[in-house]
Amino acid sequence: MKRKKERNVWMKVTLDECELPLAIADTRVELAEILGITSKTIYSSMSHAKKKWGNHKRTPYRKIRIKLDDDDE
């Protein structure tokens, strides 16, 4: 029997209605390195957007959960 596992993929997307990916990484730290920012910047942006503080109603960062089978690892 196959077990289901989850994996996260981190993305920076455009803020238009298409949300096209600009960068993709396996971790928040890797995404930050690609973009030349700190991982704390990504965390802060997502946190503020979730709470809808100030001008942070939307964030270009996404954490996507992908479900995997054992043989997909």
Protein backbone atom coordinates (compact mmCIF):
# COMPACT_ATOMS: atom_id res chain seq x y z
CA MET A 1 0.00 0.00 0.00
CA LYS A 2 1.32 3.41 -0.95
CA ARG A 3 1.65 6.13 1.67
CA LYS A 4 0.80 9.69 0.81
CA LYS A 5 3.40 12.30 1.66
CA GLU A 6 3.43 16.01 1.19
CA ARG A 7 6.14 18.28 -0.08
CA ASN A 8 6.22 22.07 -0.22
CA VAL A 9 7.30 24.15 -3.17
CA TRP A 10 7.97 27.85 -2.69
CA MET A 11 7.26 30.36 -5.47
CA LYS A 12 7.41 34.03 -6.25
CA VAL A 13 4.64 34.98 -8.68
CA THR A 14 3.49 38.08 -10.52
CA LEU A 15 0.82 40.07 -8.70
CA ASP A 16 -1.51 40.27 -11.68
CA GLU A 17 -4.49 37.96 -12.20
CA CYS A 18 -2.32 35.35 -13.96
CA GLU A 19 0.12 34.86 -11.06
CA LEU A 20 2.87 33.63 -13.38
CA PRO A 21 5.85 32.07 -11.58
CA LEU A 22 9.01 34.19 -11.45
CA ALA A 23 11.07 31.84 -9.24
CA ILE A 24 10.55 28.34 -7.82
CA ALA A 25 12.48 26.57 -5.03
CA ASP A 26 12.17 23.63 -2.66
CA THR A 27 12.57 25.75 0.49
CA ARG A 28 11.92 29.30 1.61
CA VAL A 29 15.67 29.75 2.19
CA GLU A 30 16.50 28.62 -1.36
CA LEU A 31 13.88 30.99 -2.79
CA ALA A 32 15.34 33.86 -0.77
CA GLU A 33 18.84 33.06 -2.06
CA ILE A 34 17.60 33.04 -5.66
CA LEU A 35 15.91 36.42 -5.14
CA GLY A 36 18.76 37.98 -3.16
CA ILE A 37 16.63 38.61 -0.07
CA THR A 38 16.36 37.02 3.37
CA SER A 39 13.97 34.18 4.14
CA LYS A 40 12.60 36.40 6.91
CA THR A 41 11.43 38.87 4.24
CA ILE A 42 9.34 36.13 2.61
CA TYR A 43 7.95 34.99 5.97
CA SER A 44 7.09 38.56 6.97
CA SER A 45 5.37 39.32 3.65
CA MET A 46 3.24 36.18 3.88
CA SER A 47 2.38 36.83 7.52
CA HIS A 48 1.32 40.43 6.88
CA ALA A 49 -0.76 39.41 3.86
CA LYS A 50 -2.51 36.74 5.92
CA LYS A 51 -3.38 39.34 8.56
CA LYS A 52 -4.08 41.99 5.88
CA TRP A 53 -1.94 44.64 7.56
CA GLY A 54 -1.51 47.93 5.75
CA ASN A 55 -0.59 47.57 2.08
CA HIS A 56 0.17 43.85 2.47
CA LYS A 57 -3.18 42.53 1.29
CA ARG A 58 -1.42 40.46 -1.37
CA THR A 59 1.99 38.89 -1.46
CA PRO A 60 3.99 37.59 -4.42
CA TYR A 61 5.11 34.56 -2.42
CA ARG A 62 3.31 31.21 -2.42
CA LYS A 63 3.81 27.98 -0.51
CA ILE A 64 2.30 25.14 -2.54
CA ARG A 65 1.72 21.72 -0.98
CA ILE A 66 2.15 18.78 -3.33
CA LYS A 67 0.99 15.31 -2.40
CA LEU A 68 3.40 12.53 -3.39
CA ASP A 69 3.25 8.75 -3.47
CA ASP A 70 6.19 6.78 -2.08
CA ASP A 71 7.51 6.04 -5.56
CA ASP A 72 7.54 9.77 -6.50
CA GLU A 73 10.26 10.67 -3.99
